[in-house]
Amino acid sequence: MKTVYLVDDDEIIRDALGALFRSRGLALQVFADGPAFLAAWGGRSLARLPACLLIDVRMPGMSGLELLAKLKEGGLAAHHVVIFLTGHGDIPMAVEALKSGAYDFLEKPFSDNKLVDRVLESLDYVDGAAAASSESRDLSTRLTPREYAIAERIVAGQTNKQIGDALFISVRTVEVHRARIFAKLEIKSAIGLAQLWVAPHH
């Protein structure tokens, strides 16, 4: 049985997402903080079951990234996927989360349908159904060498001016390339680019 777990210190979020997932026919177990989840994870052997873990990045006591590190120490399995939720995301945080092994990084407020759809996709990924799409997500085949070089620097958090100075092109040229990159990849933000950038390497 596949299960969805939510770890979030915000009671309103826990209640809202519980109702949302029930309306879509999915069971959601909620936890108010990392230590409570870790106790249940080990004590009730939840780790044996395929699962999607929805984890808030910023929580008092133990952050979402610290919780993921603890889970990995205990042997997070291939049939577990982690989606981070945050109300204060930035590019470095998204990259760190994805490089830590997270499946996705979603900013609050998020679309209810997008969240549930992403969870369903992650559970399909657990079954290996998403593997076939990895080739189409290879950015090096979808961007020109120049666009790829600029995308790489965007993901690194560089400004348009820093990119222009590094590549000896004008800020306006960087802006044009950035717009083309976003259009080609059908994304709207640098965080969306970071998600695509890191995901194929998992």
N, C-alpha and C. Protein backbone atom coordinates (compact mmCIF):
# COMPACT_ATOMS: atom_id res chain seq x y z
N MET A 1 0.84 -1.19 0.00
CA MET A 1 0.00 0.00 0.00
C MET A 1 0.87 1.25 0.00
N LYS A 2 0.59 2.17 -0.88
CA LYS A 2 1.34 3.42 -0.93
C LYS A 2 0.71 4.43 0.03
N THR A 3 1.58 5.17 0.70
CA THR A 3 1.09 6.09 1.73
C THR A 3 1.71 7.46 1.53
N VAL A 4 0.97 8.49 1.95
CA VAL A 4 1.48 9.86 1.91
C VAL A 4 1.57 10.37 3.34
N TYR A 5 2.74 10.90 3.69
CA TYR A 5 2.95 11.47 5.01
C TYR A 5 3.25 12.96 4.87
N LEU A 6 2.67 13.75 5.76
CA LEU A 6 2.93 15.19 5.78
C LEU A 6 3.57 15.56 7.12
N VAL A 7 4.71 16.25 7.05
CA VAL A 7 5.36 16.75 8.27
C VAL A 7 5.39 18.27 8.15
N ASP A 8 4.56 18.95 8.93
CA ASP A 8 4.45 20.41 8.83
C ASP A 8 3.99 20.94 10.19
N ASP A 9 4.65 22.00 10.68
CA ASP A 9 4.29 22.54 12.00
C ASP A 9 3.04 23.41 11.94
N ASP A 10 2.54 23.71 10.74
CA ASP A 10 1.37 24.58 10.58
C ASP A 10 0.09 23.74 10.62
N GLU A 11 -0.68 23.90 11.69
CA GLU A 11 -1.90 23.09 11.85
C GLU A 11 -2.90 23.35 10.72
N ILE A 12 -2.97 24.60 10.28
CA ILE A 12 -3.91 24.94 9.20
C ILE A 12 -3.55 24.18 7.92
N ILE A 13 -2.26 24.12 7.62
CA ILE A 13 -1.81 23.38 6.44
C ILE A 13 -2.14 21.90 6.59
N ARG A 14 -1.88 21.36 7.79
CA ARG A 14 -2.16 19.93 8.00
C ARG A 14 -3.64 19.62 7.79
N ASP A 15 -4.50 20.46 8.34
CA ASP A 15 -5.94 20.24 8.20
C ASP A 15 -6.38 20.38 6.73
N ALA A 16 -5.87 21.42 6.08
CA ALA A 16 -6.28 21.69 4.70
C ALA A 16 -5.84 20.57 3.76
N LEU A 17 -4.59 20.13 3.92
CA LEU A 17 -4.10 19.08 3.03
C LEU A 17 -4.75 17.73 3.34
N GLY A 18 -5.09 17.52 4.62
CA GLY A 18 -5.82 16.28 4.95
C GLY A 18 -7.14 16.22 4.20
N ALA A 19 -7.87 17.33 4.22
CA ALA A 19 -9.15 17.38 3.51
C ALA A 19 -8.94 17.25 2.00
N LEU A 20 -7.90 17.92 1.50
CA LEU A 20 -7.63 17.87 0.06
C LEU A 20 -7.34 16.44 -0.40
N PHE A 21 -6.48 15.75 0.29
CA PHE A 21 -6.11 14.40 -0.15
C PHE A 21 -7.27 13.43 0.01
N ARG A 22 -8.06 13.61 1.06
CA ARG A 22 -9.25 12.74 1.22
C ARG A 22 -10.20 12.96 0.04
N SER A 23 -10.34 14.20 -0.41
CA SER A 23 -11.24 14.48 -1.53
C SER A 23 -10.77 13.84 -2.81
N ARG A 24 -9.46 13.52 -2.88
CA ARG A 24 -8.91 12.87 -4.07
C ARG A 24 -8.71 11.37 -3.84
N GLY A 25 -9.27 10.87 -2.73
CA GLY A 25 -9.21 9.43 -2.48
C GLY A 25 -7.87 8.93 -1.97
N LEU A 26 -7.06 9.81 -1.40
CA LEU A 26 -5.75 9.40 -0.89
C LEU A 26 -5.68 9.59 0.62
N ALA A 27 -5.10 8.64 1.29
CA ALA A 27 -4.92 8.75 2.74
C ALA A 27 -3.68 9.58 3.03
N LEU A 28 -3.78 10.47 3.99
CA LEU A 28 -2.65 11.31 4.38
C LEU A 28 -2.49 11.24 5.88
N GLN A 29 -1.31 10.82 6.34
CA GLN A 29 -1.01 10.83 7.76
C GLN A 29 -0.16 12.06 8.06
N VAL A 30 -0.52 12.79 9.12
CA VAL A 30 0.14 14.07 9.39
C VAL A 30 0.94 14.03 10.69
N PHE A 31 2.03 14.81 10.69
CA PHE A 31 2.90 14.92 11.86
C PHE A 31 3.28 16.39 12.03
N ALA A 32 3.36 16.84 13.29
CA ALA A 32 3.60 18.26 13.55
C ALA A 32 5.06 18.65 13.52
N ASP A 33 5.97 17.68 13.60
CA ASP A 33 7.40 18.02 13.57
C ASP A 33 8.23 16.79 13.22
N GLY A 34 9.51 17.03 12.98
CA GLY A 34 10.41 15.97 12.57
C GLY A 34 10.57 14.85 13.60
N PRO A 35 10.81 15.18 14.89
CA PRO A 35 10.98 14.11 15.88
C PRO A 35 9.75 13.19 15.98
N ALA A 36 8.55 13.76 15.89
CA ALA A 36 7.34 12.93 15.95
C ALA A 36 7.28 11.98 14.76
N PHE A 37 7.68 12.48 13.59
CA PHE A 37 7.67 11.60 12.42
C PHE A 37 8.73 10.51 12.54
N LEU A 38 9.94 10.89 13.00
CA LEU A 38 11.00 9.90 13.13
C LEU A 38 10.61 8.78 14.09
N ALA A 39 9.91 9.15 15.18
CA ALA A 39 9.48 8.14 16.14
C ALA A 39 8.50 7.16 15.48
N ALA A 40 7.58 7.70 14.70
CA ALA A 40 6.61 6.83 14.02
C ALA A 40 7.28 6.03 12.91
N TRP A 41 8.20 6.66 12.22
CA TRP A 41 8.89 6.04 11.08
C TRP A 41 9.63 4.77 11.52
N GLY A 42 10.31 4.87 12.66
CA GLY A 42 11.02 3.69 13.14
C GLY A 42 10.16 2.79 13.98
N GLY A 43 9.40 3.40 14.90
CA GLY A 43 8.63 2.61 15.85
C GLY A 43 7.54 1.77 15.24
N ARG A 44 6.91 2.28 14.20
CA ARG A 44 5.83 1.52 13.57
C ARG A 44 6.25 0.92 12.22
N SER A 45 7.54 0.95 11.98
CA SER A 45 8.07 0.34 10.75
C SER A 45 7.42 0.90 9.50
N LEU A 46 7.11 2.18 9.51
CA LEU A 46 6.53 2.79 8.32
C LEU A 46 7.48 2.70 7.14
N ALA A 47 8.78 2.59 7.45
CA ALA A 47 9.79 2.62 6.40
C ALA A 47 9.68 1.45 5.43
N ARG A 48 8.96 0.41 5.84
CA ARG A 48 8.84 -0.74 4.93
C ARG A 48 7.88 -0.48 3.79
N LEU A 49 7.03 0.54 3.93
CA LEU A 49 5.98 0.77 2.94
C LEU A 49 6.40 1.82 1.91
N PRO A 50 6.02 1.64 0.64
CA PRO A 50 6.24 2.70 -0.34
C PRO A 50 5.52 3.96 0.10
N ALA A 51 6.18 5.10 -0.03
CA ALA A 51 5.57 6.31 0.51
C ALA A 51 6.10 7.57 -0.17
N CYS A 52 5.24 8.60 -0.16
CA CYS A 52 5.65 9.95 -0.53
C CYS A 52 5.65 10.78 0.75
N LEU A 53 6.77 11.43 1.04
CA LEU A 53 6.90 12.24 2.24
C LEU A 53 6.83 13.72 1.86
N LEU A 54 5.82 14.42 2.34
CA LEU A 54 5.70 15.86 2.14
C LEU A 54 6.27 16.54 3.38
N ILE A 55 7.36 17.28 3.22
CA ILE A 55 8.06 17.82 4.38
C ILE A 55 8.23 19.33 4.24
N ASP A 56 7.80 20.07 5.26
CA ASP A 56 8.02 21.51 5.29
C ASP A 56 9.51 21.78 5.53
N VAL A 57 10.07 22.72 4.80
CA VAL A 57 11.51 22.99 4.93
C VAL A 57 11.83 23.65 6.26
N ARG A 58 11.04 24.67 6.62
CA ARG A 58 11.37 25.44 7.82
C ARG A 58 10.41 25.09 8.95
N MET A 59 10.92 24.35 9.92
CA MET A 59 10.15 23.99 11.11
C MET A 59 11.02 24.24 12.33
N PRO A 60 10.42 24.63 13.45
CA PRO A 60 11.21 24.85 14.67
C PRO A 60 11.80 23.54 15.17
N GLY A 61 13.02 23.62 15.71
CA GLY A 61 13.65 22.43 16.28
C GLY A 61 14.44 21.66 15.26
N MET A 62 13.76 21.06 14.31
CA MET A 62 14.43 20.27 13.27
C MET A 62 13.88 20.70 11.92
N SER A 63 14.75 21.21 11.05
CA SER A 63 14.30 21.66 9.74
C SER A 63 13.98 20.46 8.85
N GLY A 64 13.33 20.73 7.73
CA GLY A 64 13.03 19.65 6.80
C GLY A 64 14.28 18.99 6.25
N LEU A 65 15.31 19.79 5.96
CA LEU A 65 16.56 19.23 5.44
C LEU A 65 17.25 18.37 6.49
N GLU A 66 17.18 18.81 7.76
CA GLU A 66 17.76 18.00 8.83
C GLU A 66 17.00 16.69 8.99
N LEU A 67 15.68 16.75 8.83
CA LEU A 67 14.87 15.54 8.92
C LEU A 67 15.25 14.57 7.80
N LEU A 68 15.42 15.10 6.58
CA LEU A 68 15.80 14.23 5.47
C LEU A 68 17.16 13.57 5.74
N ALA A 69 18.09 14.35 6.29
CA ALA A 69 19.41 13.77 6.61
C ALA A 69 19.28 12.63 7.61
N LYS A 70 18.41 12.81 8.62
CA LYS A 70 18.19 11.75 9.61
C LYS A 70 17.59 10.51 8.94
N LEU A 71 16.65 10.72 8.05
CA LEU A 71 16.01 9.60 7.36
C LEU A 71 17.03 8.85 6.51
N LYS A 72 17.92 9.60 5.85
CA LYS A 72 18.92 8.96 5.00
C LYS A 72 19.92 8.17 5.84
N GLU A 73 20.23 8.68 7.04
CA GLU A 73 21.12 7.94 7.94
C GLU A 73 20.53 6.58 8.28
N GLY A 74 19.20 6.56 8.37
CA GLY A 74 18.52 5.31 8.72
C GLY A 74 18.22 4.44 7.51
N GLY A 75 18.64 4.88 6.33
CA GLY A 75 18.45 4.04 5.15
C GLY A 75 17.17 4.33 4.40
N LEU A 76 17.01 5.55 3.94
CA LEU A 76 15.84 5.87 3.12
C LEU A 76 15.90 5.02 1.85
N ALA A 77 14.83 4.31 1.56
CA ALA A 77 14.85 3.33 0.47
C ALA A 77 14.40 3.93 -0.85
N ALA A 78 14.61 3.16 -1.91
CA ALA A 78 14.23 3.62 -3.25
C ALA A 78 12.72 3.79 -3.39
N HIS A 79 11.95 3.12 -2.54
CA HIS A 79 10.50 3.25 -2.64
C HIS A 79 9.96 4.40 -1.78
N HIS A 80 10.86 5.31 -1.39
CA HIS A 80 10.44 6.51 -0.68
C HIS A 80 10.82 7.74 -1.51
N VAL A 81 9.90 8.66 -1.66
CA VAL A 81 10.21 9.92 -2.33
C VAL A 81 9.86 11.07 -1.38
N VAL A 82 10.63 12.15 -1.49
CA VAL A 82 10.44 13.31 -0.61
C VAL A 82 10.12 14.54 -1.46
N ILE A 83 9.05 15.22 -1.12
CA ILE A 83 8.71 16.50 -1.74
C ILE A 83 8.75 17.56 -0.64
N PHE A 84 9.58 18.59 -0.84
CA PHE A 84 9.67 19.65 0.15
C PHE A 84 8.64 20.73 -0.14
N LEU A 85 8.09 21.29 0.93
CA LEU A 85 7.15 22.41 0.84
C LEU A 85 7.76 23.58 1.59
N THR A 86 7.62 24.78 1.04
CA THR A 86 8.16 25.94 1.75
C THR A 86 7.41 27.21 1.38
N GLY A 87 7.33 28.10 2.34
CA GLY A 87 6.75 29.41 2.09
C GLY A 87 7.80 30.47 1.88
N HIS A 88 9.07 30.09 2.00
CA HIS A 88 10.17 31.07 1.90
C HIS A 88 11.30 30.48 1.07
N GLY A 89 10.98 29.97 -0.11
CA GLY A 89 11.99 29.32 -0.92
C GLY A 89 12.86 30.28 -1.70
N ASP A 90 14.07 29.84 -2.01
CA ASP A 90 14.94 30.57 -2.92
C ASP A 90 15.72 29.52 -3.71
N ILE A 91 16.47 29.99 -4.69
CA ILE A 91 17.17 29.05 -5.57
C ILE A 91 18.18 28.18 -4.81
N PRO A 92 19.07 28.77 -4.00
CA PRO A 92 20.03 27.91 -3.29
C PRO A 92 19.34 26.85 -2.43
N MET A 93 18.23 27.22 -1.78
CA MET A 93 17.52 26.26 -0.95
C MET A 93 16.94 25.13 -1.80
N ALA A 94 16.36 25.49 -2.95
CA ALA A 94 15.79 24.48 -3.83
C ALA A 94 16.85 23.53 -4.34
N VAL A 95 17.99 24.10 -4.73
CA VAL A 95 19.09 23.26 -5.23
C VAL A 95 19.59 22.32 -4.14
N GLU A 96 19.77 22.88 -2.92
CA GLU A 96 20.24 22.05 -1.81
C GLU A 96 19.28 20.91 -1.53
N ALA A 97 17.97 21.23 -1.55
CA ALA A 97 16.96 20.19 -1.28
C ALA A 97 17.00 19.10 -2.34
N LEU A 98 17.08 19.50 -3.60
CA LEU A 98 17.06 18.51 -4.67
C LEU A 98 18.35 17.69 -4.70
N LYS A 99 19.46 18.35 -4.42
CA LYS A 99 20.72 17.60 -4.37
C LYS A 99 20.76 16.65 -3.18
N SER A 100 19.97 16.96 -2.15
CA SER A 100 19.91 16.08 -0.99
C SER A 100 19.07 14.84 -1.26
N GLY A 101 18.45 14.81 -2.43
CA GLY A 101 17.68 13.62 -2.79
C GLY A 101 16.20 13.83 -2.88
N ALA A 102 15.73 15.08 -2.70
CA ALA A 102 14.29 15.32 -2.77
C ALA A 102 13.79 15.14 -4.20
N TYR A 103 12.57 14.69 -4.32
CA TYR A 103 11.96 14.50 -5.64
C TYR A 103 11.51 15.83 -6.23
N ASP A 104 11.04 16.74 -5.36
CA ASP A 104 10.57 18.04 -5.85
C ASP A 104 10.61 19.05 -4.71
N PHE A 105 10.40 20.30 -5.08
CA PHE A 105 10.46 21.42 -4.14
C PHE A 105 9.34 22.38 -4.54
N LEU A 106 8.29 22.48 -3.75
CA LEU A 106 7.13 23.27 -4.11
C LEU A 106 6.99 24.46 -3.16
N GLU A 107 6.70 25.61 -3.73
CA GLU A 107 6.55 26.83 -2.93
C GLU A 107 5.08 27.04 -2.54
N LYS A 108 4.86 27.46 -1.28
CA LYS A 108 3.54 27.86 -0.84
C LYS A 108 3.28 29.31 -1.24
N PRO A 109 2.09 29.72 -1.57
CA PRO A 109 0.92 28.84 -1.72
C PRO A 109 1.00 28.09 -3.04
N PHE A 110 0.62 26.82 -3.03
CA PHE A 110 0.69 26.03 -4.24
C PHE A 110 -0.73 25.67 -4.69
N SER A 111 -0.84 25.32 -5.94
CA SER A 111 -2.11 24.86 -6.47
C SER A 111 -2.44 23.50 -5.86
N ASP A 112 -3.65 23.36 -5.34
CA ASP A 112 -4.05 22.08 -4.75
C ASP A 112 -3.91 20.94 -5.75
N ASN A 113 -4.42 21.18 -6.95
CA ASN A 113 -4.37 20.12 -7.97
C ASN A 113 -2.93 19.79 -8.34
N LYS A 114 -2.08 20.83 -8.43
CA LYS A 114 -0.68 20.59 -8.78
C LYS A 114 -0.01 19.74 -7.71
N LEU A 115 -0.29 20.03 -6.46
CA LEU A 115 0.33 19.27 -5.38
C LEU A 115 -0.09 17.80 -5.43
N VAL A 116 -1.39 17.56 -5.53
CA VAL A 116 -1.86 16.16 -5.56
C VAL A 116 -1.33 15.44 -6.80
N ASP A 117 -1.36 16.13 -7.93
CA ASP A 117 -0.84 15.51 -9.16
C ASP A 117 0.64 15.17 -9.01
N ARG A 118 1.39 16.08 -8.38
CA ARG A 118 2.83 15.82 -8.21
C ARG A 118 3.06 14.64 -7.27
N VAL A 119 2.23 14.53 -6.23
CA VAL A 119 2.35 13.38 -5.32
C VAL A 119 2.05 12.09 -6.07
N LEU A 120 1.00 12.10 -6.89
CA LEU A 120 0.66 10.90 -7.66
C LEU A 120 1.80 10.54 -8.62
N GLU A 121 2.39 11.57 -9.23
CA GLU A 121 3.52 11.32 -10.12
C GLU A 121 4.69 10.70 -9.35
N SER A 122 4.92 11.21 -8.15
CA SER A 122 6.04 10.68 -7.36
C SER A 122 5.80 9.22 -6.99
N LEU A 123 4.54 8.87 -6.71
CA LEU A 123 4.24 7.48 -6.38
C LEU A 123 4.38 6.59 -7.61
N ASP A 124 4.05 7.13 -8.78
CA ASP A 124 4.32 6.40 -10.02
C ASP A 124 5.81 6.22 -10.21
N TYR A 125 6.55 7.27 -9.84
CA TYR A 125 8.01 7.21 -9.95
C TYR A 125 8.57 6.07 -9.11
N VAL A 126 7.96 5.90 -7.94
CA VAL A 126 8.37 4.80 -7.07
C VAL A 126 8.27 3.47 -7.81
N ASP A 127 7.25 3.35 -8.62
CA ASP A 127 7.05 2.11 -9.39
C ASP A 127 7.94 2.05 -10.62
N GLY A 128 8.67 3.13 -10.87
CA GLY A 128 9.51 3.15 -12.05
C GLY A 128 8.82 3.66 -13.29
N ALA A 129 7.56 4.10 -13.17
CA ALA A 129 6.82 4.54 -14.34
C ALA A 129 7.37 5.83 -14.92
N ALA A 130 8.04 6.61 -14.11
CA ALA A 130 8.54 7.90 -14.59
C ALA A 130 9.91 7.79 -15.24
N ALA A 131 10.52 6.63 -15.19
CA ALA A 131 11.88 6.51 -15.72
C ALA A 131 11.94 6.83 -17.20
N ALA A 132 10.87 6.48 -17.93
CA ALA A 132 10.91 6.68 -19.38
C ALA A 132 10.97 8.14 -19.78
N SER A 133 10.59 9.02 -18.88
CA SER A 133 10.57 10.44 -19.23
C SER A 133 11.90 11.14 -18.99
N SER A 134 12.84 10.44 -18.36
CA SER A 134 14.08 11.10 -17.97
C SER A 134 14.87 11.58 -19.18
N GLU A 135 14.84 10.83 -20.29
CA GLU A 135 15.62 11.22 -21.45
C GLU A 135 15.13 12.54 -22.01
N SER A 136 13.80 12.72 -22.05
CA SER A 136 13.25 13.95 -22.60
C SER A 136 13.57 15.15 -21.73
N ARG A 137 13.98 14.89 -20.47
CA ARG A 137 14.29 15.98 -19.57
C ARG A 137 15.77 16.32 -19.58
N ASP A 138 16.53 15.72 -20.48
CA ASP A 138 17.95 16.02 -20.56
C ASP A 138 18.12 17.41 -21.15
N LEU A 139 18.48 18.34 -20.32
CA LEU A 139 18.53 19.73 -20.74
C LEU A 139 19.58 19.99 -21.80
N SER A 140 20.65 19.20 -21.81
CA SER A 140 21.71 19.45 -22.76
C SER A 140 21.26 19.23 -24.19
N THR A 141 20.21 18.46 -24.38
CA THR A 141 19.70 18.23 -25.73
C THR A 141 18.59 19.20 -26.09
N ARG A 142 18.11 19.93 -25.13
CA ARG A 142 16.99 20.84 -25.39
C ARG A 142 17.43 22.30 -25.48
N LEU A 143 18.65 22.58 -25.05
CA LEU A 143 19.16 23.95 -25.07
C LEU A 143 20.39 24.03 -25.96
N THR A 144 20.60 25.21 -26.54
CA THR A 144 21.84 25.42 -27.28
C THR A 144 22.98 25.49 -26.28
N PRO A 145 24.24 25.32 -26.74
CA PRO A 145 25.37 25.42 -25.80
C PRO A 145 25.39 26.73 -25.03
N ARG A 146 25.06 27.84 -25.71
CA ARG A 146 25.04 29.14 -25.03
C ARG A 146 23.93 29.18 -23.97
N GLU A 147 22.73 28.69 -24.35
CA GLU A 147 21.63 28.67 -23.39
C GLU A 147 21.96 27.78 -22.21
N TYR A 148 22.61 26.65 -22.48
CA TYR A 148 22.97 25.73 -21.40
C TYR A 148 23.95 26.39 -20.43
N ALA A 149 24.91 27.13 -20.99
CA ALA A 149 25.90 27.80 -20.13
C ALA A 149 25.23 28.86 -19.27
N ILE A 150 24.26 29.57 -19.85
CA ILE A 150 23.55 30.60 -19.07
C ILE A 150 22.64 29.94 -18.03
N ALA A 151 21.95 28.87 -18.42
CA ALA A 151 21.08 28.16 -17.46
C ALA A 151 21.87 27.66 -16.26
N GLU A 152 23.08 27.17 -16.55
CA GLU A 152 23.94 26.67 -15.48
C GLU A 152 24.25 27.76 -14.47
N ARG A 153 24.48 28.97 -14.97
CA ARG A 153 24.81 30.09 -14.09
C ARG A 153 23.57 30.62 -13.37
N ILE A 154 22.40 30.53 -14.02
CA ILE A 154 21.15 30.92 -13.34
C ILE A 154 20.92 30.01 -12.14
N VAL A 155 21.11 28.72 -12.36
CA VAL A 155 20.92 27.75 -11.27
C VAL A 155 21.91 28.00 -10.14
N ALA A 156 23.09 28.49 -10.50
CA ALA A 156 24.11 28.78 -9.47
C ALA A 156 23.77 30.06 -8.71
N GLY A 157 22.71 30.77 -9.13
CA GLY A 157 22.27 31.95 -8.40
C GLY A 157 22.87 33.25 -8.88
N GLN A 158 23.53 33.23 -10.04
CA GLN A 158 24.15 34.45 -10.54
C GLN A 158 23.10 35.40 -11.13
N THR A 159 23.36 36.70 -11.01
CA THR A 159 22.49 37.71 -11.59
C THR A 159 22.77 37.82 -13.09
N ASN A 160 21.86 38.53 -13.80
CA ASN A 160 22.09 38.73 -15.23
C ASN A 160 23.41 39.45 -15.48
N LYS A 161 23.73 40.43 -14.63
CA LYS A 161 24.99 41.16 -14.82
C LYS A 161 26.19 40.26 -14.61
N GLN A 162 26.15 39.42 -13.57
CA GLN A 162 27.27 38.51 -13.31
C GLN A 162 27.45 37.53 -14.48
N ILE A 163 26.31 37.06 -15.01
CA ILE A 163 26.39 36.13 -16.14
C ILE A 163 26.97 36.84 -17.36
N GLY A 164 26.49 38.07 -17.60
CA GLY A 164 26.99 38.82 -18.74
C GLY A 164 28.48 39.07 -18.64
N ASP A 165 28.94 39.46 -17.45
CA ASP A 165 30.37 39.72 -17.25
C ASP A 165 31.20 38.46 -17.47
N ALA A 166 30.67 37.33 -16.99
CA ALA A 166 31.42 36.07 -17.09
C ALA A 166 31.51 35.58 -18.53
N LEU A 167 30.44 35.82 -19.30
CA LEU A 167 30.39 35.28 -20.67
C LEU A 167 30.70 36.36 -21.71
N PHE A 168 31.01 37.58 -21.25
CA PHE A 168 31.38 38.70 -22.14
C PHE A 168 30.25 39.04 -23.11
N ILE A 169 29.03 39.08 -22.57
CA ILE A 169 27.86 39.49 -23.36
C ILE A 169 27.08 40.51 -22.53
N SER A 170 26.19 41.25 -23.20
CA SER A 170 25.46 42.31 -22.50
C SER A 170 24.35 41.72 -21.62
N VAL A 171 23.91 42.54 -20.66
CA VAL A 171 22.82 42.11 -19.80
C VAL A 171 21.56 41.85 -20.63
N ARG A 172 21.35 42.69 -21.65
CA ARG A 172 20.17 42.50 -22.50
C ARG A 172 20.20 41.15 -23.22
N THR A 173 21.40 40.77 -23.67
CA THR A 173 21.53 39.46 -24.33
C THR A 173 21.22 38.33 -23.36
N VAL A 174 21.69 38.48 -22.12
CA VAL A 174 21.39 37.46 -21.11
C VAL A 174 19.88 37.37 -20.89
N GLU A 175 19.23 38.54 -20.84
CA GLU A 175 17.78 38.56 -20.64
C GLU A 175 17.05 37.83 -21.76
N VAL A 176 17.50 38.05 -22.99
CA VAL A 176 16.87 37.39 -24.14
C VAL A 176 17.06 35.87 -24.04
N HIS A 177 18.27 35.46 -23.73
CA HIS A 177 18.53 34.02 -23.60
C HIS A 177 17.70 33.42 -22.46
N ARG A 178 17.62 34.14 -21.36
CA ARG A 178 16.85 33.65 -20.21
C ARG A 178 15.39 33.42 -20.61
N ALA A 179 14.82 34.40 -21.35
CA ALA A 179 13.43 34.25 -21.79
C ALA A 179 13.26 33.03 -22.70
N ARG A 180 14.23 32.82 -23.59
CA ARG A 180 14.15 31.66 -24.49
C ARG A 180 14.26 30.35 -23.72
N ILE A 181 15.15 30.33 -22.73
CA ILE A 181 15.33 29.11 -21.92
C ILE A 181 14.02 28.77 -21.21
N PHE A 182 13.40 29.77 -20.59
CA PHE A 182 12.16 29.53 -19.85
C PHE A 182 11.06 29.07 -20.80
N ALA A 183 11.01 29.67 -22.00
CA ALA A 183 9.97 29.28 -22.97
C ALA A 183 10.18 27.86 -23.44
N LYS A 184 11.43 27.50 -23.76
CA LYS A 184 11.71 26.14 -24.24
C LYS A 184 11.36 25.08 -23.20
N LEU A 185 11.67 25.39 -21.96
CA LEU A 185 11.48 24.41 -20.89
C LEU A 185 10.11 24.52 -20.23
N GLU A 186 9.31 25.51 -20.69
CA GLU A 186 7.95 25.70 -20.19
C GLU A 186 7.95 25.89 -18.67
N ILE A 187 8.82 26.78 -18.22
CA ILE A 187 8.90 27.11 -16.80
C ILE A 187 8.72 28.62 -16.64
N LYS A 188 8.45 29.05 -15.42
CA LYS A 188 8.18 30.47 -15.18
C LYS A 188 9.16 31.12 -14.21
N SER A 189 10.04 30.33 -13.62
CA SER A 189 10.94 30.92 -12.63
C SER A 189 12.26 30.18 -12.60
N ALA A 190 13.24 30.82 -11.95
CA ALA A 190 14.55 30.20 -11.81
C ALA A 190 14.47 28.96 -10.92
N ILE A 191 13.55 28.96 -9.97
CA ILE A 191 13.38 27.77 -9.13
C ILE A 191 12.89 26.60 -9.98
N GLY A 192 11.98 26.88 -10.93
CA GLY A 192 11.53 25.83 -11.84
C GLY A 192 12.69 25.28 -12.64
N LEU A 193 13.60 26.16 -13.06
CA LEU A 193 14.80 25.71 -13.78
C LEU A 193 15.67 24.83 -12.88
N ALA A 194 15.83 25.24 -11.64
CA ALA A 194 16.65 24.45 -10.71
C ALA A 194 16.07 23.06 -10.52
N GLN A 195 14.75 22.96 -10.47
CA GLN A 195 14.11 21.64 -10.31
C GLN A 195 14.41 20.75 -11.50
N LEU A 196 14.31 21.30 -12.71
CA LEU A 196 14.62 20.51 -13.89
C LEU A 196 16.09 20.16 -13.95
N TRP A 197 16.92 21.08 -13.52
CA TRP A 197 18.37 20.92 -13.62
C TRP A 197 18.86 19.75 -12.78
N VAL A 198 18.31 19.66 -11.58
CA VAL A 198 18.80 18.66 -10.65
C VAL A 198 18.12 17.33 -10.84
N ALA A 199 16.81 17.33 -11.18
CA ALA A 199 16.04 16.08 -11.20
C ALA A 199 16.63 14.99 -12.07
N PRO A 200 17.12 15.24 -13.32
CA PRO A 200 17.60 14.14 -14.14
C PRO A 200 18.77 13.39 -13.57
N HIS A 201 19.47 13.99 -12.59
CA HIS A 201 20.65 13.34 -12.07
C HIS A 201 20.35 12.40 -10.92
N HIS A 202 19.05 12.30 -10.52
CA HIS A 202 18.72 11.36 -9.44
C HIS A 202 18.59 9.96 -9.98
